[in-house]
N, C-alpha and C. Protein backbone atom coordinates (compact mmCIF):
# COMPACT_ATOMS: atom_id res chain seq x y z
N UNK A 1 8.55 1.05 4.39
CA UNK A 1 7.08 1.07 5.56
C UNK A 1 7.65 1.69 6.75
N UNK A 2 7.52 2.21 7.76
CA UNK A 2 7.99 3.05 8.63
C UNK A 2 8.83 1.59 9.84
N UNK A 3 8.38 0.39 9.70
CA UNK A 3 9.00 -0.64 10.54
C UNK A 3 10.42 -0.61 10.00
N UNK A 4 10.43 -0.80 8.42
CA UNK A 4 11.83 -0.68 7.78
C UNK A 4 12.59 0.26 8.15
N UNK A 5 12.24 1.64 8.38
CA UNK A 5 12.86 2.78 8.50
C UNK A 5 13.61 2.74 10.13
N UNK A 6 12.16 2.20 11.00
CA UNK A 6 12.89 1.68 12.64
C UNK A 6 13.97 1.34 12.38
N UNK A 7 13.73 0.03 11.90
CA UNK A 7 14.92 -0.74 11.70
C UNK A 7 16.25 -0.49 11.73
N UNK A 8 16.39 0.55 10.56
CA UNK A 8 17.58 1.18 10.02
C UNK A 8 17.96 1.65 11.20
N UNK A 9 17.52 2.50 11.30
CA UNK A 9 17.41 3.91 12.45
C UNK A 9 18.32 3.29 13.75
N UNK A 10 17.70 1.99 14.01
CA UNK A 10 17.93 1.17 15.57
C UNK A 10 19.26 0.44 14.73
N UNK A 11 19.77 -0.02 13.50
CA UNK A 11 20.39 -0.56 13.37
C UNK A 11 22.11 0.46 12.98
N UNK A 12 21.75 1.55 12.52
CA UNK A 12 22.59 2.83 12.79
C UNK A 12 23.28 3.20 13.80
N UNK A 13 21.92 3.70 14.79
CA UNK A 13 22.16 3.75 16.30
C UNK A 13 22.84 5.27 16.57
N UNK A 14 23.05 6.27 15.11
CA UNK A 14 23.33 7.44 15.09
C UNK A 14 22.20 8.29 14.35
N UNK A 15 22.93 9.64 14.77
CA UNK A 15 22.08 10.64 13.35
C UNK A 15 23.35 10.62 12.29
N UNK A 16 22.65 10.24 11.25
CA UNK A 16 23.72 11.20 9.72
C UNK A 16 22.57 12.18 9.13
N UNK A 17 23.67 13.12 8.86
CA UNK A 17 23.18 14.24 7.73
C UNK A 17 22.55 14.43 6.83
N UNK A 18 23.67 13.09 6.20
CA UNK A 18 23.22 13.34 4.68
C UNK A 18 21.96 12.12 4.87
N UNK A 19 21.66 11.80 5.47
CA UNK A 19 20.81 10.31 5.48
C UNK A 19 19.11 10.80 5.57
N UNK A 20 18.27 11.08 4.70
CA UNK A 20 16.80 11.30 5.31
C UNK A 20 15.91 10.12 4.75
N UNK A 21 15.07 9.96 5.67
CA UNK A 21 14.28 9.03 6.13
C UNK A 21 13.04 9.14 5.71
N UNK A 22 12.43 8.65 4.92
CA UNK A 22 11.35 9.01 4.17
C UNK A 22 10.26 7.59 4.50
N UNK A 23 9.23 7.24 5.06
CA UNK A 23 8.33 6.16 5.63
C UNK A 23 6.91 6.44 4.53
N UNK A 24 5.60 5.62 4.50
CA UNK A 24 4.77 5.49 3.70
C UNK A 24 3.49 5.86 4.86
N UNK A 25 2.30 5.91 4.94
CA UNK A 25 1.41 5.30 5.57
C UNK A 25 1.08 4.46 4.93
N UNK A 26 1.39 3.00 5.72
CA UNK A 26 1.20 1.76 5.61
C UNK A 26 0.04 0.97 6.37
N UNK A 27 -1.01 0.33 5.14
CA UNK A 27 -1.96 -0.33 5.71
C UNK A 27 -1.68 -1.64 6.11
N UNK A 28 -0.21 -2.47 5.50
CA UNK A 28 -0.09 -3.80 5.78
C UNK A 28 1.14 -4.16 5.03
N UNK A 29 2.04 -4.48 5.61
CA UNK A 29 3.28 -5.49 4.86
C UNK A 29 2.58 -6.77 4.03
N UNK A 30 2.39 -7.03 2.89
CA UNK A 30 1.16 -8.20 2.79
C UNK A 30 2.45 -9.51 2.50
N UNK A 31 2.67 -11.03 2.67
CA UNK A 31 2.92 -11.90 3.37
C UNK A 31 3.83 -11.84 1.71
N UNK A 32 5.42 -11.88 2.05
CA UNK A 32 6.07 -12.51 1.04
C UNK A 32 6.38 -13.79 -0.11
N UNK A 33 5.49 -14.71 1.13
CA UNK A 33 5.39 -16.01 0.40
C UNK A 33 3.91 -15.80 -0.10
N UNK A 34 2.87 -15.29 0.38
CA UNK A 34 1.88 -15.36 -0.84
C UNK A 34 2.32 -14.13 -2.11
N UNK A 35 2.60 -13.57 -1.84
CA UNK A 35 3.26 -12.69 -2.97
C UNK A 35 3.49 -13.60 -4.71
N UNK A 36 4.67 -14.40 -3.88
CA UNK A 36 5.70 -14.75 -4.44
C UNK A 36 4.70 -15.83 -5.61
N UNK A 37 3.86 -16.57 -4.13
CA UNK A 37 3.12 -17.72 -4.91
C UNK A 37 2.41 -17.17 -5.85
N UNK A 38 1.64 -16.08 -6.07
CA UNK A 38 0.80 -15.23 -6.40
C UNK A 38 1.69 -14.56 -8.23
N UNK A 39 2.56 -14.32 -8.08
CA UNK A 39 3.59 -13.66 -9.23
C UNK A 39 3.74 -15.19 -10.21
N UNK A 40 4.05 -16.31 -9.76
CA UNK A 40 4.23 -17.58 -10.31
C UNK A 40 3.30 -17.85 -11.00
N UNK A 41 1.81 -18.29 -10.01
CA UNK A 41 0.42 -17.84 -10.89
C UNK A 41 0.56 -17.27 -12.01
N UNK A 42 0.70 -16.19 -11.96
CA UNK A 42 0.42 -14.61 -13.44
C UNK A 42 1.86 -15.61 -14.39
N UNK A 43 2.79 -15.56 -13.46
CA UNK A 43 3.87 -16.10 -14.65
C UNK A 43 3.37 -17.76 -15.48
N UNK A 44 3.25 -18.42 -15.26
CA UNK A 44 2.43 -19.51 -15.54
C UNK A 44 1.15 -19.26 -16.52
N UNK A 45 0.52 -18.79 -15.50
CA UNK A 45 -1.09 -18.67 -16.58
C UNK A 45 -0.80 -17.73 -18.02
N UNK A 46 0.02 -16.66 -17.45
CA UNK A 46 0.19 -15.80 -18.92
C UNK A 46 1.07 -16.22 -19.76
N UNK A 47 2.12 -17.39 -19.72
CA UNK A 47 3.06 -17.63 -20.17
C UNK A 47 4.38 -16.33 -20.50
N UNK A 48 4.22 -15.04 -19.22
CA UNK A 48 5.47 -14.82 -19.74
C UNK A 48 5.79 -14.16 -17.95
N UNK A 49 7.05 -13.97 -18.22
CA UNK A 49 7.83 -13.41 -16.55
C UNK A 49 7.23 -12.16 -16.21
N UNK A 50 6.47 -11.65 -15.52
CA UNK A 50 6.46 -10.79 -14.46
C UNK A 50 7.86 -10.02 -14.21
N UNK A 51 7.79 -8.79 -15.06
CA UNK A 51 8.62 -8.22 -14.50
C UNK A 51 8.54 -6.58 -13.52
N UNK A 52 7.31 -6.42 -13.23
CA UNK A 52 6.91 -5.20 -12.72
C UNK A 52 5.57 -5.04 -12.44
N UNK A 53 4.70 -4.95 -11.05
CA UNK A 53 3.80 -4.96 -10.93
C UNK A 53 3.32 -3.33 -9.77
N UNK A 54 2.22 -3.04 -10.86
CA UNK A 54 1.94 -1.55 -10.17
C UNK A 54 0.30 -1.63 -9.23
N UNK A 55 0.33 -1.35 -8.07
CA UNK A 55 -0.48 -1.89 -7.32
C UNK A 55 -1.86 -1.07 -7.37
N UNK A 56 -1.07 -0.03 -7.54
CA UNK A 56 -2.40 1.21 -7.99
C UNK A 56 -1.66 1.88 -8.92
N UNK A 57 -2.19 1.05 -9.87
CA UNK A 57 -2.40 2.20 -11.42
C UNK A 57 -4.00 2.83 -11.64
N UNK A 58 -3.31 4.28 -11.51
CA UNK A 58 -4.30 4.95 -11.39
C UNK A 58 -4.76 6.12 -12.89
N UNK A 59 -4.42 5.20 -13.70
CA UNK A 59 -4.22 6.30 -14.97
C UNK A 59 -5.93 6.45 -15.73
N UNK A 60 -6.78 5.66 -15.01
CA UNK A 60 -8.29 6.12 -14.85
C UNK A 60 -8.48 7.73 -13.72
N UNK A 61 -8.26 6.95 -12.55
CA UNK A 61 -8.63 7.29 -11.87
C UNK A 61 -7.76 6.86 -9.92
N UNK A 62 -7.88 7.69 -9.07
CA UNK A 62 -7.34 6.81 -7.84
C UNK A 62 -8.61 5.88 -7.29
N UNK A 63 -9.78 6.73 -7.62
CA UNK A 63 -11.09 6.01 -6.83
C UNK A 63 -11.28 4.21 -7.12
N UNK A 64 -12.15 3.87 -5.92
CA UNK A 64 -11.87 2.47 -5.75
C UNK A 64 -12.70 1.90 -6.95
N UNK A 65 -13.24 2.24 -7.61
CA UNK A 65 -14.32 1.64 -8.54
C UNK A 65 -13.13 1.67 -9.88
N UNK A 66 -11.97 2.48 -9.68
CA UNK A 66 -11.31 2.86 -11.12
C UNK A 66 -10.17 2.21 -11.45
N UNK A 67 -9.74 2.13 -9.93
CA UNK A 67 -7.95 2.09 -9.89
C UNK A 67 -7.61 0.61 -10.48
N UNK A 68 -6.74 0.19 -11.22
CA UNK A 68 -6.41 -0.94 -11.88
C UNK A 68 -4.92 -1.95 -10.97
N UNK A 69 -5.21 -2.96 -11.34
CA UNK A 69 -4.05 -3.76 -10.54
C UNK A 69 -2.76 -4.03 -11.97
N UNK A 70 -1.79 -3.46 -12.70
CA UNK A 70 -1.46 -3.73 -13.70
C UNK A 70 0.38 -4.68 -13.51
N UNK A 71 -0.02 -5.69 -14.37
CA UNK A 71 1.25 -6.27 -14.20
C UNK A 71 2.40 -6.30 -15.85
N UNK A 72 3.62 -6.12 -15.41
CA UNK A 72 4.12 -5.80 -17.02
C UNK A 72 5.17 -7.14 -17.51
N UNK A 73 5.34 -7.23 -18.39
CA UNK A 73 5.92 -8.50 -18.57
C UNK A 73 7.23 -7.89 -19.62
N UNK A 74 8.26 -8.88 -19.23
CA UNK A 74 9.07 -8.99 -20.46
C UNK A 74 9.12 -8.70 -21.89
N UNK A 75 7.76 -10.11 -22.37
CA UNK A 75 7.65 -10.06 -23.87
C UNK A 75 6.71 -10.26 -24.15
N UNK A 76 5.71 -9.42 -23.37
CA UNK A 76 4.04 -9.17 -23.66
C UNK A 76 3.69 -8.19 -23.41
N UNK A 77 2.63 -7.56 -24.00
CA UNK A 77 2.09 -6.68 -23.56
C UNK A 77 1.22 -6.51 -21.78
N UNK A 78 1.35 -5.88 -21.22
CA UNK A 78 1.05 -5.33 -20.03
C UNK A 78 -0.34 -5.93 -19.61
N UNK A 79 -1.06 -6.53 -18.64
CA UNK A 79 -2.45 -7.22 -18.12
C UNK A 79 -2.78 -5.95 -16.82
N UNK A 80 -3.82 -5.72 -17.24
CA UNK A 80 -4.67 -4.63 -16.20
C UNK A 80 -5.95 -5.04 -16.29
N UNK A 81 -6.40 -5.23 -14.90
CA UNK A 81 -7.23 -6.00 -13.93
C UNK A 81 -7.99 -5.32 -12.71
N UNK A 82 -9.11 -4.86 -12.88
CA UNK A 82 -9.69 -4.36 -11.64
C UNK A 82 -9.38 -4.80 -10.18
N UNK A 83 -8.70 -3.53 -9.57
CA UNK A 83 -7.54 -3.91 -8.42
C UNK A 83 -9.21 -4.50 -7.34
N UNK A 84 -10.13 -3.76 -7.22
CA UNK A 84 -11.44 -3.89 -6.05
C UNK A 84 -11.92 -5.41 -6.10
N UNK A 85 -11.77 -5.69 -7.73
CA UNK A 85 -12.50 -7.53 -7.93
C UNK A 85 -10.93 -8.73 -7.78
N UNK A 86 -9.96 -8.20 -8.31
CA UNK A 86 -8.94 -8.99 -7.93
C UNK A 86 -8.27 -9.80 -7.11
N UNK A 87 -8.42 -11.31 -7.41
CA UNK A 87 -8.20 -11.76 -5.96
C UNK A 87 -7.15 -11.59 -5.07
N UNK A 88 -6.25 -11.08 -5.51
CA UNK A 88 -4.90 -10.90 -4.61
C UNK A 88 -5.44 -9.56 -3.69
N UNK A 89 -5.73 -8.10 -4.72
CA UNK A 89 -5.76 -6.85 -3.89
C UNK A 89 -7.46 -7.15 -3.40
N UNK A 90 -8.33 -7.95 -3.13
CA UNK A 90 -8.89 -8.15 -2.25
C UNK A 90 -8.55 -8.60 -0.91
N UNK A 91 -8.03 -9.69 -0.87
CA UNK A 91 -7.04 -9.80 0.08
C UNK A 91 -6.52 -9.24 0.63
N UNK A 92 -5.68 -8.32 -0.36
CA UNK A 92 -5.16 -7.33 0.63
C UNK A 92 -5.78 -6.37 1.14
N UNK A 93 -6.61 -5.41 0.58
CA UNK A 93 -7.94 -4.72 0.61
C UNK A 93 -8.19 -5.26 2.16
N UNK A 94 -8.88 -6.18 2.74
CA UNK A 94 -9.58 -7.15 3.35
C UNK A 94 -8.26 -7.63 4.60
N UNK A 95 -7.28 -7.16 4.86
CA UNK A 95 -6.70 -7.62 5.80
C UNK A 95 -6.41 -8.99 6.18
N UNK A 96 -6.08 -9.54 4.94
CA UNK A 96 -6.00 -11.38 4.98
C UNK A 96 -4.88 -12.10 5.02
N UNK A 97 -4.04 -11.06 4.18
CA UNK A 97 -2.65 -11.63 3.87
C UNK A 97 -1.29 -10.20 4.55
N UNK A 98 -1.31 -10.18 5.59
CA UNK A 98 -0.60 -9.29 6.12
C UNK A 98 0.82 -9.96 6.90
N UNK A 99 1.90 -9.38 7.18
CA UNK A 99 2.48 -10.53 7.82
C UNK A 99 2.07 -10.26 9.18
N UNK A 100 2.31 -10.89 10.22
CA UNK A 100 1.61 -10.97 11.56
C UNK A 100 2.08 -9.69 12.57
N UNK A 101 3.13 -9.13 12.24
CA UNK A 101 3.22 -8.19 13.04
C UNK A 101 2.83 -7.07 12.46
N UNK A 102 2.09 -7.06 11.24
CA UNK A 102 1.25 -6.24 10.95
C UNK A 102 -0.23 -5.50 11.80
N UNK A 103 -0.46 -6.83 12.15
CA UNK A 103 -1.97 -6.75 13.01
C UNK A 103 -1.11 -6.37 14.25
N UNK A 104 0.04 -6.26 14.97
CA UNK A 104 0.03 -5.30 16.11
C UNK A 104 1.03 -4.38 15.98
N UNK A 105 1.01 -3.49 14.74
CA UNK A 105 2.11 -2.42 14.28
C UNK A 105 1.73 -1.60 15.10
N UNK A 106 3.24 -0.89 15.97
CA UNK A 106 3.55 0.21 16.44
C UNK A 106 3.85 1.47 15.79
N UNK A 107 3.35 1.62 14.64
CA UNK A 107 3.76 2.81 13.60
C UNK A 107 2.02 3.37 12.86
N UNK A 108 1.07 2.57 13.65
CA UNK A 108 0.03 3.19 12.85
C UNK A 108 -0.91 4.54 13.35
N UNK A 109 -0.83 5.29 12.61
CA UNK A 109 -1.97 6.57 12.93
C UNK A 109 -0.40 7.52 12.90
N UNK A 110 -0.30 8.10 13.91
CA UNK A 110 0.77 9.36 14.62
C UNK A 110 1.88 9.05 14.94
N UNK A 111 2.30 7.80 15.56
CA UNK A 111 3.65 7.39 15.74
C UNK A 111 4.46 7.11 14.36
N UNK A 112 4.90 8.11 14.19
CA UNK A 112 5.99 8.10 12.85
C UNK A 112 7.46 8.52 13.80
N UNK A 113 8.71 7.39 12.80
CA UNK A 113 9.57 7.75 12.40
C UNK A 113 10.96 8.16 11.54
N UNK A 114 10.12 8.61 10.47
CA UNK A 114 10.59 8.80 9.26
C UNK A 114 10.87 10.64 9.63
N UNK A 115 11.59 11.21 8.87
CA UNK A 115 12.20 12.75 8.63
C UNK A 115 10.76 13.02 8.01
N UNK A 116 10.30 12.53 7.00
CA UNK A 116 9.14 12.48 6.07
C UNK A 116 8.28 11.61 5.76
N UNK A 117 6.89 11.61 5.96
CA UNK A 117 6.10 10.89 5.63
C UNK A 117 5.26 10.93 4.79
N UNK A 118 4.95 10.42 3.34
CA UNK A 118 4.00 10.25 2.32
C UNK A 118 3.07 9.04 2.33
N UNK A 119 2.28 9.81 1.46
CA UNK A 119 1.27 8.31 1.45
C UNK A 119 0.03 9.13 0.44
N UNK A 120 -1.28 7.71 0.59
CA UNK A 120 -2.38 8.56 -0.42
C UNK A 120 -2.92 9.84 0.85
N UNK A 121 -4.01 10.66 0.33
CA UNK A 121 -4.69 11.57 1.29
C UNK A 121 -5.94 11.19 0.97
N UNK A 122 -6.25 9.53 1.40
CA UNK A 122 -7.85 9.52 1.31
C UNK A 122 -8.47 10.57 2.01
N UNK A 123 -10.09 10.33 0.99
CA UNK A 123 -10.90 11.12 1.16
C UNK A 123 -11.74 11.73 -0.27
N UNK A 124 -12.77 12.25 0.53
CA UNK A 124 -13.78 12.88 -0.68
C UNK A 124 -13.15 14.63 -0.37
N UNK A 125 -13.97 15.01 -1.21
CA UNK A 125 -14.09 16.66 -1.02
C UNK A 125 -14.61 17.87 0.07
N UNK A 126 -15.54 16.64 0.75
CA UNK A 126 -15.64 17.36 2.31
C UNK A 126 -14.32 17.26 3.42
N UNK A 127 -13.56 16.18 2.40
CA UNK A 127 -11.59 16.13 3.59
C UNK A 127 -11.79 17.02 2.75
N UNK A 128 -11.24 17.07 1.77
CA UNK A 128 -10.07 17.60 0.87
C UNK A 128 -10.14 18.84 1.19
N UNK A 129 -11.60 19.58 0.78
CA UNK A 129 -11.97 20.77 0.37
C UNK A 129 -11.24 21.06 -0.96
N UNK A 130 -10.70 22.71 -1.36
CA UNK A 130 -10.48 22.72 -2.64
C UNK A 130 -9.62 21.99 -3.59
N UNK A 131 -8.63 21.58 -2.71
CA UNK A 131 -7.36 20.41 -3.51
C UNK A 131 -8.07 18.88 -3.93
N UNK A 132 -9.52 18.80 -3.46
CA UNK A 132 -9.86 17.35 -3.88
C UNK A 132 -9.32 17.56 -5.60
N UNK A 133 -9.15 15.63 -6.10
CA UNK A 133 -8.05 15.42 -7.73
C UNK A 133 -9.25 14.29 -7.35
N UNK A 134 -10.14 13.43 -8.28
CA UNK A 134 -10.53 12.04 -8.10
C UNK A 134 -8.59 11.52 -9.20
N UNK A 135 -8.22 12.32 -9.55
CA UNK A 135 -6.63 11.71 -10.35
C UNK A 135 -5.82 11.54 -9.10
N UNK A 136 -5.98 11.57 -7.74
CA UNK A 136 -5.11 11.28 -6.61
C UNK A 136 -4.85 12.64 -6.00
N UNK A 137 -4.11 12.38 -4.59
CA UNK A 137 -3.99 13.63 -3.58
C UNK A 137 -3.14 13.06 -3.05
N UNK A 138 -1.71 13.44 -2.61
CA UNK A 138 -0.52 12.77 -1.77
C UNK A 138 -0.68 13.94 -0.05
N UNK A 139 -0.27 12.66 0.73
CA UNK A 139 -0.28 13.64 1.79
C UNK A 139 1.26 13.70 2.11
N UNK A 140 1.67 14.69 2.81
CA UNK A 140 3.00 14.55 3.27
C UNK A 140 3.53 15.59 4.74
N UNK A 141 3.86 14.93 5.26
CA UNK A 141 3.63 15.21 6.81
C UNK A 141 5.67 15.58 7.23
N UNK A 142 5.90 16.19 7.52
CA UNK A 142 7.33 16.19 8.00
C UNK A 142 7.30 16.54 9.36
N UNK A 143 8.33 15.32 9.91
CA UNK A 143 8.49 15.11 11.69
C UNK A 143 9.33 15.54 12.30
N UNK A 144 10.59 15.69 11.44
CA UNK A 144 11.75 16.47 12.34
C UNK A 144 12.31 17.58 10.86
N UNK A 145 13.26 18.43 12.35
CA UNK A 145 13.62 19.63 11.65
C UNK A 145 14.24 19.41 10.03
N UNK A 146 14.77 18.14 10.31
CA UNK A 146 15.79 18.17 8.54
C UNK A 146 13.99 17.61 8.13
N UNK A 147 13.43 16.99 7.83
CA UNK A 147 12.13 16.58 7.12
C UNK A 147 11.53 18.13 6.80
N UNK A 148 11.62 18.61 7.63
CA UNK A 148 10.62 20.40 7.51
C UNK A 148 12.30 21.06 6.51
N UNK A 149 13.27 20.84 6.36
CA UNK A 149 14.16 22.11 5.61
C UNK A 149 14.21 21.51 4.32
N UNK A 150 13.88 19.81 4.22
CA UNK A 150 13.57 19.01 3.37
C UNK A 150 12.74 19.74 1.84
N UNK A 151 11.14 19.64 3.12
CA UNK A 151 10.25 20.38 2.43
C UNK A 151 10.38 21.74 1.79
N UNK A 152 10.95 22.75 2.95
CA UNK A 152 10.97 24.25 2.02
C UNK A 152 11.90 23.79 0.99
N UNK A 153 12.66 23.22 0.76
CA UNK A 153 13.74 23.65 -0.44
C UNK A 153 12.27 22.69 -1.39
N UNK A 154 11.59 21.89 -1.56
CA UNK A 154 11.09 21.74 -2.78
C UNK A 154 9.51 21.64 -2.69
N UNK A 155 8.73 22.70 -1.89
CA UNK A 155 7.64 22.49 -2.08
C UNK A 155 6.90 23.79 -3.26
N UNK A 156 8.17 24.02 -3.81
CA UNK A 156 7.50 25.05 -5.17
C UNK A 156 7.23 24.21 -6.25
N UNK A 157 7.94 23.00 -5.92
CA UNK A 157 7.14 22.16 -7.04
C UNK A 157 5.90 21.52 -7.03
N UNK A 158 5.54 22.00 -6.09
CA UNK A 158 3.96 21.25 -5.79
C UNK A 158 2.77 22.21 -6.16
N UNK A 159 1.44 21.44 -5.60
CA UNK A 159 0.25 22.57 -5.69
C UNK A 159 -0.20 22.06 -4.37
N UNK A 160 0.32 22.83 -3.58
CA UNK A 160 -0.38 21.70 -2.00
C UNK A 160 -0.92 22.98 -1.17
N UNK A 161 -1.19 22.75 0.35
CA UNK A 161 -2.02 23.57 1.22
C UNK A 161 -1.83 22.64 2.58
N UNK A 162 -1.89 23.39 3.12
CA UNK A 162 -1.67 22.70 4.78
C UNK A 162 -2.77 22.29 5.44
N UNK A 163 -2.94 21.19 6.25
CA UNK A 163 -4.39 20.46 6.29
C UNK A 163 -3.95 20.16 7.99
N UNK A 164 -4.83 19.63 8.49
CA UNK A 164 -4.02 19.03 10.35
C UNK A 164 -4.68 17.81 10.36
N UNK A 165 -4.36 17.44 11.11
CA UNK A 165 -3.89 16.18 11.56
C UNK A 165 -4.74 14.99 11.76
N UNK A 166 -6.21 16.01 12.19
CA UNK A 166 -7.48 14.68 12.08
C UNK A 166 -8.15 14.96 10.89
N UNK A 167 -7.91 16.12 10.24
CA UNK A 167 -8.80 15.62 8.89
C UNK A 167 -7.18 14.60 7.62
N UNK A 168 -6.23 14.64 7.99
CA UNK A 168 -5.23 14.25 7.11
C UNK A 168 -5.72 12.36 7.20
N UNK A 169 -6.34 11.97 8.68
CA UNK A 169 -5.80 11.27 9.17
C UNK A 169 -7.38 10.59 8.92
N UNK A 170 -8.96 11.39 8.91
CA UNK A 170 -10.06 10.95 8.96
C UNK A 170 -10.34 9.35 7.90
N UNK A 171 -9.22 9.08 6.84
CA UNK A 171 -9.92 8.26 5.96
C UNK A 171 -8.67 7.31 6.04
N UNK A 172 -7.61 7.82 6.81
CA UNK A 172 -6.37 7.31 6.55
C UNK A 172 -6.46 5.65 8.02
N UNK A 173 -5.54 5.45 7.88
CA UNK A 173 -4.94 4.22 8.80
C UNK A 173 -4.13 4.80 10.12
N UNK A 174 -5.16 4.89 10.99
CA UNK A 174 -4.79 5.56 12.31
C UNK A 174 -4.52 3.92 13.45
N UNK A 175 -5.14 3.26 13.42
CA UNK A 175 -4.52 1.61 13.82
C UNK A 175 -4.30 0.74 13.18
N UNK A 176 -3.33 -0.40 13.61
CA UNK A 176 -3.32 -1.43 13.55
C UNK A 176 -4.54 -2.76 12.59
N UNK A 177 -4.68 -2.91 11.55
CA UNK A 177 -5.39 -3.67 11.23
C UNK A 177 -5.59 -4.94 11.96
N UNK A 178 -7.11 -5.28 11.55
CA UNK A 178 -7.74 -6.41 13.03
C UNK A 178 -7.11 -8.16 12.00
N UNK A 179 -6.60 -8.50 13.00
CA UNK A 179 -6.62 -10.03 12.81
C UNK A 179 -7.74 -10.74 12.83
N UNK A 180 -7.98 -11.31 11.83
CA UNK A 180 -9.20 -11.92 11.88
C UNK A 180 -9.03 -13.97 11.29
N UNK A 181 -10.02 -14.38 11.92
CA UNK A 181 -10.32 -16.02 11.73
C UNK A 181 -9.79 -15.95 10.03
N UNK A 182 -10.42 -15.36 9.33
CA UNK A 182 -10.07 -15.82 7.99
C UNK A 182 -8.72 -15.81 7.62
N UNK A 183 -7.92 -14.83 8.48
CA UNK A 183 -6.80 -14.96 8.15
C UNK A 183 -5.94 -16.57 7.95
N UNK A 184 -6.21 -16.93 9.33
CA UNK A 184 -5.66 -17.85 10.59
C UNK A 184 -5.97 -19.03 9.18
N UNK A 185 -7.32 -19.12 8.96
CA UNK A 185 -7.46 -20.35 7.74
C UNK A 185 -6.62 -19.92 6.77
N UNK A 186 -6.72 -18.96 5.93
CA UNK A 186 -6.02 -18.75 4.99
C UNK A 186 -4.81 -19.33 4.79
N UNK A 187 -3.96 -18.80 6.03
CA UNK A 187 -2.64 -19.25 5.76
C UNK A 187 -2.37 -20.81 6.05
N UNK A 188 -3.44 -21.50 6.88
CA UNK A 188 -3.17 -22.80 7.00
C UNK A 188 -3.29 -23.24 6.09
N UNK A 189 -4.10 -23.50 4.31
CA UNK A 189 -4.44 -23.57 3.81
C UNK A 189 -3.58 -23.37 2.81
N UNK A 190 -2.76 -22.43 2.95
CA UNK A 190 -1.73 -21.91 1.84
C UNK A 190 -0.69 -22.93 0.84
N UNK A 191 -0.55 -23.99 1.39
CA UNK A 191 0.48 -25.07 0.81
C UNK A 191 -0.51 -25.91 0.38
N UNK A 192 -1.91 -25.70 0.59
CA UNK A 192 -2.23 -27.35 0.04
C UNK A 192 -3.02 -26.89 -1.05
N UNK A 193 -3.67 -25.79 -1.21
CA UNK A 193 -4.71 -24.70 -2.09
C UNK A 193 -3.94 -24.19 -3.66
N UNK A 194 -4.04 -24.24 -4.79
CA UNK A 194 -3.66 -23.26 -5.60
C UNK A 194 -3.70 -21.69 -5.12
N UNK A 195 -2.68 -21.46 -5.26
CA UNK A 195 -2.75 -19.70 -4.70
C UNK A 195 -4.03 -18.86 -5.08
N UNK A 196 -4.48 -18.76 -6.62
CA UNK A 196 -5.83 -17.61 -6.87
C UNK A 196 -7.02 -18.34 -6.34
N UNK A 197 -7.10 -19.74 -6.43
CA UNK A 197 -8.32 -20.86 -6.24
C UNK A 197 -8.79 -20.39 -4.44
N UNK A 198 -7.21 -20.08 -3.74
CA UNK A 198 -7.73 -20.16 -2.48
C UNK A 198 -8.01 -18.19 -1.84
N UNK A 199 -7.04 -17.91 -2.44
CA UNK A 199 -7.68 -16.30 -2.40
C UNK A 199 -9.05 -16.10 -2.80
N UNK A 200 -9.07 -16.64 -3.98
CA UNK A 200 -10.67 -16.55 -4.78
C UNK A 200 -11.58 -16.79 -3.70
N UNK A 201 -11.16 -18.18 -3.05
CA UNK A 201 -12.28 -18.16 -2.09
C UNK A 201 -12.88 -17.15 -0.89
N UNK A 202 -12.12 -16.22 -0.61
CA UNK A 202 -12.30 -15.67 -0.09
C UNK A 202 -12.65 -14.15 -0.26
N UNK A 203 -12.82 -13.71 -1.90
CA UNK A 203 -13.29 -12.95 -2.15
C UNK A 203 -14.87 -13.11 -2.26
N UNK A 204 -15.46 -11.98 -1.84
CA UNK A 204 -16.77 -11.94 -2.04
C UNK A 204 -17.53 -11.14 -2.95
N UNK A 205 -16.18 -10.05 -4.07
CA UNK A 205 -16.71 -9.54 -5.15
C UNK A 205 -16.53 -10.55 -6.32
N UNK A 206 -16.08 -11.87 -6.29
CA UNK A 206 -15.52 -12.71 -7.30
C UNK A 206 -15.40 -12.10 -8.70
N UNK A 207 -13.57 -11.77 -9.07
CA UNK A 207 -13.32 -11.55 -9.70
C UNK A 207 -13.69 -12.27 -11.04
N UNK A 208 -13.99 -11.62 -12.34
CA UNK A 208 -14.52 -11.89 -13.70
C UNK A 208 -13.19 -12.39 -14.62
N UNK A 209 -12.34 -11.88 -14.09
CA UNK A 209 -10.69 -12.21 -14.67
C UNK A 209 -10.46 -13.35 -14.20
N UNK A 210 -9.24 -14.03 -14.55
CA UNK A 210 -8.60 -15.31 -13.99
C UNK A 210 -7.07 -14.66 -13.20
N UNK A 211 -7.35 -13.49 -13.69
CA UNK A 211 -5.86 -13.01 -12.92
C UNK A 211 -6.16 -13.05 -11.54
């Protein structure tokens, strides 16, 4: 995350030529406590331990109606659920479970701290033009001379084209997520209501799965 990159650079206090700092275009960092509670819920209900989570499984496509939230387990087959309606992802996408610092983020939009910034290039064919692909597109932004040199070395491995900052951020995050009253309410109930029931109470899409 860009805030973590900023923390690393502040800690180091000087430039290291062999250090390449790569940050992502961030929507927000989820509360570690909520994440841990939700994983415990999945472990218990599925009778197996989660070993990996893919929050944006694009096996079908990256479109909102298609992407999956996939849990991989140590000793059973993976579980994939629709990302749009899953209680955890729905709460995340609606800005209800971020860390408090995310609602006053200093790194949203064009304020970058990494040598390179990467992320999803959100938008349709009107925004992305001939590069539009429903299987997903990425954005790569070089912010420093070091980042530019790295990109020059690897760019031939990609299909790419230049775009403008205004197009790149047309469908992306240019300002911090808004703190909502629902987020405050949710956190007050966190230790009182089972996690999936709690997240589900704020899910207007109402997942048909138990995950």
